[in-house]
Amino acid sequence: MKATVFVRPKAGIKDPQGEAVRGSLAKSGFDIVSVRIGRVVDIELETSERERALAELQQISHDLLANPLIESYEIELLEEA
């Protein structure tokens, strides 16, 4: 089963990289209020069981991909054709 995990800074957590990008966009004439920079992780698991895949991805995301104190994550299971 394939999945994408989106990892982003939690609301209220300073995001220096996002601020730098926002500043650059503003200097280029774009009317930008805020920018948040995160990561996208594409994962392919051996299992084809949806519930098992989701449980494994929750553990992987919480333990390894995100710092739960300052980041949130969202898991998107991809339907295989």
PDB file of N, CA and C in Angstrom:
ATOM      1  N   MET A   1       0.847  -1.170   0.000  1.00  0.00           N
ATOM      2  CA  MET A   1       0.000   0.000   0.000  1.00  0.00           C
ATOM      3  C   MET A   1       0.892   1.233   0.000  1.00  0.00           C
ATOM      4  N   LYS A   2       0.492   2.239  -0.770  1.00  0.00           N
ATOM      5  CA  LYS A   2       1.248   3.487  -0.855  1.00  0.00           C
ATOM      6  C   LYS A   2       0.554   4.565  -0.034  1.00  0.00           C
ATOM      7  N   ALA A   3       1.376   5.453   0.504  1.00  0.00           N
ATOM      8  CA  ALA A   3       0.843   6.543   1.313  1.00  0.00           C
ATOM      9  C   ALA A   3       1.747   7.753   1.198  1.00  0.00           C
ATOM     10  N   THR A   4       1.179   8.893   1.513  1.00  0.00           N
ATOM     11  CA  THR A   4       1.939  10.130   1.626  1.00  0.00           C
ATOM     12  C   THR A   4       1.710  10.684   3.022  1.00  0.00           C
ATOM     13  N   VAL A   5       2.798  11.088   3.667  1.00  0.00           N
ATOM     14  CA  VAL A   5       2.713  11.697   4.985  1.00  0.00           C
ATOM     15  C   VAL A   5       3.169  13.153   4.847  1.00  0.00           C
ATOM     16  N   PHE A   6       2.312  14.065   5.294  1.00  0.00           N
ATOM     17  CA  PHE A   6       2.618  15.484   5.280  1.00  0.00           C
ATOM     18  C   PHE A   6       2.980  15.896   6.701  1.00  0.00           C
ATOM     19  N   VAL A   7       4.170  16.460   6.881  1.00  0.00           N
ATOM     20  CA  VAL A   7       4.640  16.891   8.198  1.00  0.00           C
ATOM     21  C   VAL A   7       4.786  18.412   8.144  1.00  0.00           C
ATOM     22  N   ARG A   8       4.137  19.094   9.107  1.00  0.00           N
ATOM     23  CA  ARG A   8       4.159  20.559   9.122  1.00  0.00           C
ATOM     24  C   ARG A   8       4.397  21.056  10.547  1.00  0.00           C
ATOM     25  N   PRO A   9       4.952  22.279  10.668  1.00  0.00           N
ATOM     26  CA  PRO A   9       5.057  22.875  12.006  1.00  0.00           C
ATOM     27  C   PRO A   9       3.658  23.111  12.568  1.00  0.00           C
ATOM     28  N   LYS A  10       3.491  22.877  13.858  1.00  0.00           N
ATOM     29  CA  LYS A  10       2.207  23.148  14.500  1.00  0.00           C
ATOM     30  C   LYS A  10       1.953  24.651  14.514  1.00  0.00           C
ATOM     31  N   ALA A  11       0.670  25.011  14.575  1.00  0.00           N
ATOM     32  CA  ALA A  11       0.296  26.417  14.682  1.00  0.00           C
ATOM     33  C   ALA A  11       0.950  27.008  15.925  1.00  0.00           C
ATOM     34  N   GLY A  12       1.465  28.202  15.798  1.00  0.00           N
ATOM     35  CA  GLY A  12       2.094  28.868  16.927  1.00  0.00           C
ATOM     36  C   GLY A  12       3.578  28.569  17.074  1.00  0.00           C
ATOM     37  N   ILE A  13       4.084  27.602  16.321  1.00  0.00           N
ATOM     38  CA  ILE A  13       5.512  27.270  16.363  1.00  0.00           C
ATOM     39  C   ILE A  13       6.224  28.114  15.310  1.00  0.00           C
ATOM     40  N   LYS A  14       7.303  28.748  15.690  1.00  0.00           N
ATOM     41  CA  LYS A  14       8.057  29.586  14.766  1.00  0.00           C
ATOM     42  C   LYS A  14       8.580  28.758  13.597  1.00  0.00           C
ATOM     43  N   ASP A  15       8.466  29.328  12.400  1.00  0.00           N
ATOM     44  CA  ASP A  15       8.903  28.650  11.178  1.00  0.00           C
ATOM     45  C   ASP A  15       9.837  29.586  10.403  1.00  0.00           C
ATOM     46  N   PRO A  16      11.134  29.616  10.758  1.00  0.00           N
ATOM     47  CA  PRO A  16      12.064  30.542  10.112  1.00  0.00           C
ATOM     48  C   PRO A  16      12.157  30.350   8.598  1.00  0.00           C
ATOM     49  N   GLN A  17      12.099  29.116   8.148  1.00  0.00           N
ATOM     50  CA  GLN A  17      12.176  28.856   6.708  1.00  0.00           C
ATOM     51  C   GLN A  17      10.945  29.431   6.004  1.00  0.00           C
ATOM     52  N   GLY A  18       9.776  29.253   6.588  1.00  0.00           N
ATOM     53  CA  GLY A  18       8.554  29.813   6.027  1.00  0.00           C
ATOM     54  C   GLY A  18       8.596  31.332   6.002  1.00  0.00           C
ATOM     55  N   GLU A  19       9.132  31.930   7.073  1.00  0.00           N
ATOM     56  CA  GLU A  19       9.249  33.389   7.119  1.00  0.00           C
ATOM     57  C   GLU A  19      10.190  33.903   6.040  1.00  0.00           C
ATOM     58  N   ALA A  20      11.288  33.195   5.802  1.00  0.00           N
ATOM     59  CA  ALA A  20      12.236  33.606   4.758  1.00  0.00           C
ATOM     60  C   ALA A  20      11.574  33.551   3.379  1.00  0.00           C
ATOM     61  N   VAL A  21      10.813  32.509   3.130  1.00  0.00           N
ATOM     62  CA  VAL A  21      10.121  32.385   1.842  1.00  0.00           C
ATOM     63  C   VAL A  21       9.055  33.473   1.716  1.00  0.00           C
ATOM     64  N   ARG A  22       8.309  33.720   2.800  1.00  0.00           N
ATOM     65  CA  ARG A  22       7.298  34.775   2.777  1.00  0.00           C
ATOM     66  C   ARG A  22       7.934  36.128   2.453  1.00  0.00           C
ATOM     67  N   GLY A  23       9.073  36.416   3.089  1.00  0.00           N
ATOM     68  CA  GLY A  23       9.777  37.673   2.830  1.00  0.00           C
ATOM     69  C   GLY A  23      10.213  37.804   1.388  1.00  0.00           C
ATOM     70  N   SER A  24      10.733  36.730   0.825  1.00  0.00           N
ATOM     71  CA  SER A  24      11.160  36.746  -0.578  1.00  0.00           C
ATOM     72  C   SER A  24       9.981  36.957  -1.521  1.00  0.00           C
ATOM     73  N   LEU A  25       8.877  36.293  -1.231  1.00  0.00           N
ATOM     74  CA  LEU A  25       7.682  36.466  -2.066  1.00  0.00           C
ATOM     75  C   LEU A  25       7.148  37.887  -1.961  1.00  0.00           C
ATOM     76  N   ALA A  26       7.151  38.450  -0.761  1.00  0.00           N
ATOM     77  CA  ALA A  26       6.677  39.828  -0.572  1.00  0.00           C
ATOM     78  C   ALA A  26       7.560  40.806  -1.340  1.00  0.00           C
ATOM     79  N   LYS A  27       8.879  40.584  -1.298  1.00  0.00           N
ATOM     80  CA  LYS A  27       9.804  41.447  -2.040  1.00  0.00           C
ATOM     81  C   LYS A  27       9.598  41.338  -3.546  1.00  0.00           C
ATOM     82  N   SER A  28       9.080  40.204  -3.988  1.00  0.00           N
ATOM     83  CA  SER A  28       8.812  39.995  -5.415  1.00  0.00           C
ATOM     84  C   SER A  28       7.458  40.550  -5.830  1.00  0.00           C
ATOM     85  N   GLY A  29       6.757  41.170  -4.899  1.00  0.00           N
ATOM     86  CA  GLY A  29       5.500  41.816  -5.226  1.00  0.00           C
ATOM     87  C   GLY A  29       4.251  40.985  -4.971  1.00  0.00           C
ATOM     88  N   PHE A  30       4.399  39.813  -4.370  1.00  0.00           N
ATOM     89  CA  PHE A  30       3.237  38.983  -4.075  1.00  0.00           C
ATOM     90  C   PHE A  30       2.656  39.365  -2.721  1.00  0.00           C
ATOM     91  N   ASP A  31       1.343  39.411  -2.644  1.00  0.00           N
ATOM     92  CA  ASP A  31       0.654  39.782  -1.409  1.00  0.00           C
ATOM     93  C   ASP A  31       0.452  38.524  -0.577  1.00  0.00           C
ATOM     94  N   ILE A  32       1.458  38.157   0.209  1.00  0.00           N
ATOM     95  CA  ILE A  32       1.460  36.914   0.972  1.00  0.00           C
ATOM     96  C   ILE A  32       1.285  37.232   2.453  1.00  0.00           C
ATOM     97  N   VAL A  33       0.356  36.559   3.099  1.00  0.00           N
ATOM     98  CA  VAL A  33       0.140  36.751   4.528  1.00  0.00           C
ATOM     99  C   VAL A  33       1.082  35.861   5.334  1.00  0.00           C
ATOM    100  N   SER A  34       1.147  34.576   4.985  1.00  0.00           N
ATOM    101  CA  SER A  34       2.029  33.674   5.717  1.00  0.00           C
ATOM    102  C   SER A  34       2.401  32.487   4.850  1.00  0.00           C
ATOM    103  N   VAL A  35       3.517  31.865   5.202  1.00  0.00           N
ATOM    104  CA  VAL A  35       3.998  30.660   4.526  1.00  0.00           C
ATOM    105  C   VAL A  35       4.464  29.700   5.607  1.00  0.00           C
ATOM    106  N   ARG A  36       4.088  28.439   5.498  1.00  0.00           N
ATOM    107  CA  ARG A  36       4.565  27.393   6.395  1.00  0.00           C
ATOM    108  C   ARG A  36       5.267  26.349   5.526  1.00  0.00           C
ATOM    109  N   ILE A  37       6.459  25.966   5.922  1.00  0.00           N
ATOM    110  CA  ILE A  37       7.238  24.982   5.169  1.00  0.00           C
ATOM    111  C   ILE A  37       7.187  23.658   5.923  1.00  0.00           C
ATOM    112  N   GLY A  38       6.902  22.589   5.194  1.00  0.00           N
ATOM    113  CA  GLY A  38       6.857  21.261   5.788  1.00  0.00           C
ATOM    114  C   GLY A  38       7.584  20.257   4.904  1.00  0.00           C
ATOM    115  N   ARG A  39       7.290  19.006   5.146  1.00  0.00           N
ATOM    116  CA  ARG A  39       7.903  17.918   4.373  1.00  0.00           C
ATOM    117  C   ARG A  39       6.815  17.005   3.856  1.00  0.00           C
ATOM    118  N   VAL A  40       7.094  16.388   2.724  1.00  0.00           N
ATOM    119  CA  VAL A  40       6.219  15.369   2.152  1.00  0.00           C
ATOM    120  C   VAL A  40       7.040  14.093   2.060  1.00  0.00           C
ATOM    121  N   VAL A  41       6.501  13.015   2.637  1.00  0.00           N
ATOM    122  CA  VAL A  41       7.199  11.725   2.625  1.00  0.00           C
ATOM    123  C   VAL A  41       6.290  10.705   1.946  1.00  0.00           C
ATOM    124  N   ASP A  42       6.761  10.141   0.838  1.00  0.00           N
ATOM    125  CA  ASP A  42       6.030   9.079   0.141  1.00  0.00           C
ATOM    126  C   ASP A  42       6.563   7.742   0.627  1.00  0.00           C
ATOM    127  N   ILE A  43       5.649   6.871   1.029  1.00  0.00           N
ATOM    128  CA  ILE A  43       6.018   5.574   1.603  1.00  0.00           C
ATOM    129  C   ILE A  43       5.226   4.477   0.914  1.00  0.00           C
ATOM    130  N   GLU A  44       5.887   3.356   0.663  1.00  0.00           N
ATOM    131  CA  GLU A  44       5.195   2.175   0.148  1.00  0.00           C
ATOM    132  C   GLU A  44       5.402   1.037   1.137  1.00  0.00           C
ATOM    133  N   LEU A  45       4.307   0.494   1.641  1.00  0.00           N
ATOM    134  CA  LEU A  45       4.343  -0.592   2.617  1.00  0.00           C
ATOM    135  C   LEU A  45       4.067  -1.924   1.947  1.00  0.00           C
ATOM    136  N   GLU A  46       4.555  -2.980   2.555  1.00  0.00           N
ATOM    137  CA  GLU A  46       4.312  -4.329   2.041  1.00  0.00           C
ATOM    138  C   GLU A  46       2.847  -4.729   2.169  1.00  0.00           C
ATOM    139  N   THR A  47       2.213  -4.331   3.260  1.00  0.00           N
ATOM    140  CA  THR A  47       0.842  -4.757   3.538  1.00  0.00           C
ATOM    141  C   THR A  47      -0.160  -4.123   2.571  1.00  0.00           C
ATOM    142  N   SER A  48      -1.228  -4.840   2.309  1.00  0.00           N
ATOM    143  CA  SER A  48      -2.317  -4.276   1.505  1.00  0.00           C
ATOM    144  C   SER A  48      -3.559  -4.051   2.372  1.00  0.00           C
ATOM    145  N   GLU A  49      -3.456  -4.385   3.672  1.00  0.00           N
ATOM    146  CA  GLU A  49      -4.560  -4.175   4.607  1.00  0.00           C
ATOM    147  C   GLU A  49      -4.584  -2.712   5.045  1.00  0.00           C
ATOM    148  N   ARG A  50      -5.676  -2.054   4.776  1.00  0.00           N
ATOM    149  CA  ARG A  50      -5.804  -0.622   5.041  1.00  0.00           C
ATOM    150  C   ARG A  50      -5.592  -0.292   6.526  1.00  0.00           C
ATOM    151  N   GLU A  51      -6.242  -1.013   7.422  1.00  0.00           N
ATOM    152  CA  GLU A  51      -6.139  -0.720   8.850  1.00  0.00           C
ATOM    153  C   GLU A  51      -4.723  -0.950   9.371  1.00  0.00           C
ATOM    154  N   ARG A  52      -4.093  -2.024   8.927  1.00  0.00           N
ATOM    155  CA  ARG A  52      -2.722  -2.305   9.360  1.00  0.00           C
ATOM    156  C   ARG A  52      -1.766  -1.237   8.831  1.00  0.00           C
ATOM    157  N   ALA A  53      -1.955  -0.855   7.568  1.00  0.00           N
ATOM    158  CA  ALA A  53      -1.108   0.176   6.979  1.00  0.00           C
ATOM    159  C   ALA A  53      -1.248   1.484   7.750  1.00  0.00           C
ATOM    160  N   LEU A  54      -2.466   1.860   8.066  1.00  0.00           N
ATOM    161  CA  LEU A  54      -2.698   3.104   8.795  1.00  0.00           C
ATOM    162  C   LEU A  54      -2.059   3.054  10.187  1.00  0.00           C
ATOM    163  N   ALA A  55      -2.173   1.931  10.861  1.00  0.00           N
ATOM    164  CA  ALA A  55      -1.562   1.780  12.190  1.00  0.00           C
ATOM    165  C   ALA A  55      -0.041   1.895  12.103  1.00  0.00           C
ATOM    166  N   GLU A  56       0.555   1.252  11.113  1.00  0.00           N
ATOM    167  CA  GLU A  56       2.012   1.319  10.947  1.00  0.00           C
ATOM    168  C   GLU A  56       2.445   2.744  10.610  1.00  0.00           C
ATOM    169  N   LEU A  57       1.697   3.403   9.743  1.00  0.00           N
ATOM    170  CA  LEU A  57       2.042   4.768   9.354  1.00  0.00           C
ATOM    171  C   LEU A  57       1.894   5.743  10.512  1.00  0.00           C
ATOM    172  N   GLN A  58       0.893   5.525  11.376  1.00  0.00           N
ATOM    173  CA  GLN A  58       0.737   6.360  12.569  1.00  0.00           C
ATOM    174  C   GLN A  58       1.986   6.232  13.450  1.00  0.00           C
ATOM    175  N   GLN A  59       2.424   5.003  13.667  1.00  0.00           N
ATOM    176  CA  GLN A  59       3.597   4.773  14.512  1.00  0.00           C
ATOM    177  C   GLN A  59       4.856   5.368  13.881  1.00  0.00           C
ATOM    178  N   ILE A  60       5.046   5.129  12.586  1.00  0.00           N
ATOM    179  CA  ILE A  60       6.213   5.658  11.871  1.00  0.00           C
ATOM    180  C   ILE A  60       6.227   7.185  11.947  1.00  0.00           C
ATOM    181  N   SER A  61       5.078   7.788  11.683  1.00  0.00           N
ATOM    182  CA  SER A  61       4.986   9.250  11.660  1.00  0.00           C
ATOM    183  C   SER A  61       5.264   9.839  13.041  1.00  0.00           C
ATOM    184  N   HIS A  62       4.646   9.259  14.061  1.00  0.00           N
ATOM    185  CA  HIS A  62       4.808   9.771  15.422  1.00  0.00           C
ATOM    186  C   HIS A  62       6.226   9.560  15.946  1.00  0.00           C
ATOM    187  N   ASP A  63       6.778   8.385  15.690  1.00  0.00           N
ATOM    188  CA  ASP A  63       8.075   8.032  16.275  1.00  0.00           C
ATOM    189  C   ASP A  63       9.279   8.533  15.474  1.00  0.00           C
ATOM    190  N   LEU A  64       9.132   8.620  14.147  1.00  0.00           N
ATOM    191  CA  LEU A  64      10.309   8.877  13.314  1.00  0.00           C
ATOM    192  C   LEU A  64      10.217  10.088  12.387  1.00  0.00           C
ATOM    193  N   LEU A  65       9.074  10.342  11.814  1.00  0.00           N
ATOM    194  CA  LEU A  65       8.991  11.389  10.795  1.00  0.00           C
ATOM    195  C   LEU A  65       8.721  12.775  11.366  1.00  0.00           C
ATOM    196  N   ALA A  66       7.979  12.849  12.450  1.00  0.00           N
ATOM    197  CA  ALA A  66       7.611  14.143  13.021  1.00  0.00           C
ATOM    198  C   ALA A  66       8.076  14.237  14.462  1.00  0.00           C
ATOM    199  N   ASN A  67       8.328  15.444  14.887  1.00  0.00           N
ATOM    200  CA  ASN A  67       8.563  15.715  16.296  1.00  0.00           C
ATOM    201  C   ASN A  67       7.220  16.169  16.853  1.00  0.00           C
ATOM    202  N   PRO A  68       6.498  15.302  17.560  1.00  0.00           N
ATOM    203  CA  PRO A  68       5.131  15.609  17.983  1.00  0.00           C
ATOM    204  C   PRO A  68       5.000  16.852  18.866  1.00  0.00           C
ATOM    205  N   LEU A  69       6.093  17.312  19.443  1.00  0.00           N
ATOM    206  CA  LEU A  69       6.032  18.520  20.268  1.00  0.00           C
ATOM    207  C   LEU A  69       5.837  19.777  19.425  1.00  0.00           C
ATOM    208  N   ILE A  70       6.419  19.790  18.229  1.00  0.00           N
ATOM    209  CA  ILE A  70       6.374  21.002  17.408  1.00  0.00           C
ATOM    210  C   ILE A  70       5.790  20.792  16.016  1.00  0.00           C
ATOM    211  N   GLU A  71       5.524  19.537  15.648  1.00  0.00           N
ATOM    212  CA  GLU A  71       5.020  19.252  14.301  1.00  0.00           C
ATOM    213  C   GLU A  71       3.750  18.410  14.360  1.00  0.00           C
ATOM    214  N   SER A  72       2.918  18.610  13.367  1.00  0.00           N
ATOM    215  CA  SER A  72       1.759  17.747  13.173  1.00  0.00           C
ATOM    216  C   SER A  72       1.979  16.972  11.886  1.00  0.00           C
ATOM    217  N   TYR A  73       1.231  15.907  11.723  1.00  0.00           N
ATOM    218  CA  TYR A  73       1.343  15.134  10.487  1.00  0.00           C
ATOM    219  C   TYR A  73      -0.032  14.684  10.044  1.00  0.00           C
ATOM    220  N   GLU A  74      -0.124  14.456   8.765  1.00  0.00           N
ATOM    221  CA  GLU A  74      -1.367  13.988   8.141  1.00  0.00           C
ATOM    222  C   GLU A  74      -0.999  12.847   7.212  1.00  0.00           C
ATOM    223  N   ILE A  75      -1.738  11.761   7.308  1.00  0.00           N
ATOM    224  CA  ILE A  75      -1.471  10.569   6.490  1.00  0.00           C
ATOM    225  C   ILE A  75      -2.545  10.463   5.426  1.00  0.00           C
ATOM    226  N   GLU A  76      -2.105  10.265   4.207  1.00  0.00           N
ATOM    227  CA  GLU A  76      -3.026  10.067   3.082  1.00  0.00           C
ATOM    228  C   GLU A  76      -2.725   8.709   2.454  1.00  0.00           C
ATOM    229  N   LEU A  77      -3.642   7.750   2.628  1.00  0.00           N
ATOM    230  CA  LEU A  77      -3.477   6.452   1.979  1.00  0.00           C
ATOM    231  C   LEU A  77      -3.909   6.599   0.536  1.00  0.00           C
ATOM    232  N   LEU A  78      -3.112   6.076  -0.362  1.00  0.00           N
ATOM    233  CA  LEU A  78      -3.371   6.200  -1.786  1.00  0.00           C
ATOM    234  C   LEU A  78      -4.007   4.917  -2.294  1.00  0.00           C
ATOM    235  N   GLU A  79      -5.099   5.061  -2.982  1.00  0.00           N
ATOM    236  CA  GLU A  79      -5.774   3.899  -3.569  1.00  0.00           C
ATOM    237  C   GLU A  79      -4.952   3.376  -4.737  1.00  0.00           C
ATOM    238  N   GLU A  80      -4.747   2.084  -4.743  1.00  0.00           N
ATOM    239  CA  GLU A  80      -3.969   1.490  -5.839  1.00  0.00           C
ATOM    240  C   GLU A  80      -4.924   1.070  -6.936  1.00  0.00           C
ATOM    241  N   ALA A  81      -4.507   1.335  -8.149  1.00  0.00           N
ATOM    242  CA  ALA A  81      -5.364   1.024  -9.302  1.00  0.00           C
ATOM    243  C   ALA A  81      -5.283  -0.435  -9.677  1.00  0.00           C
TER     244      ALA A  81
END
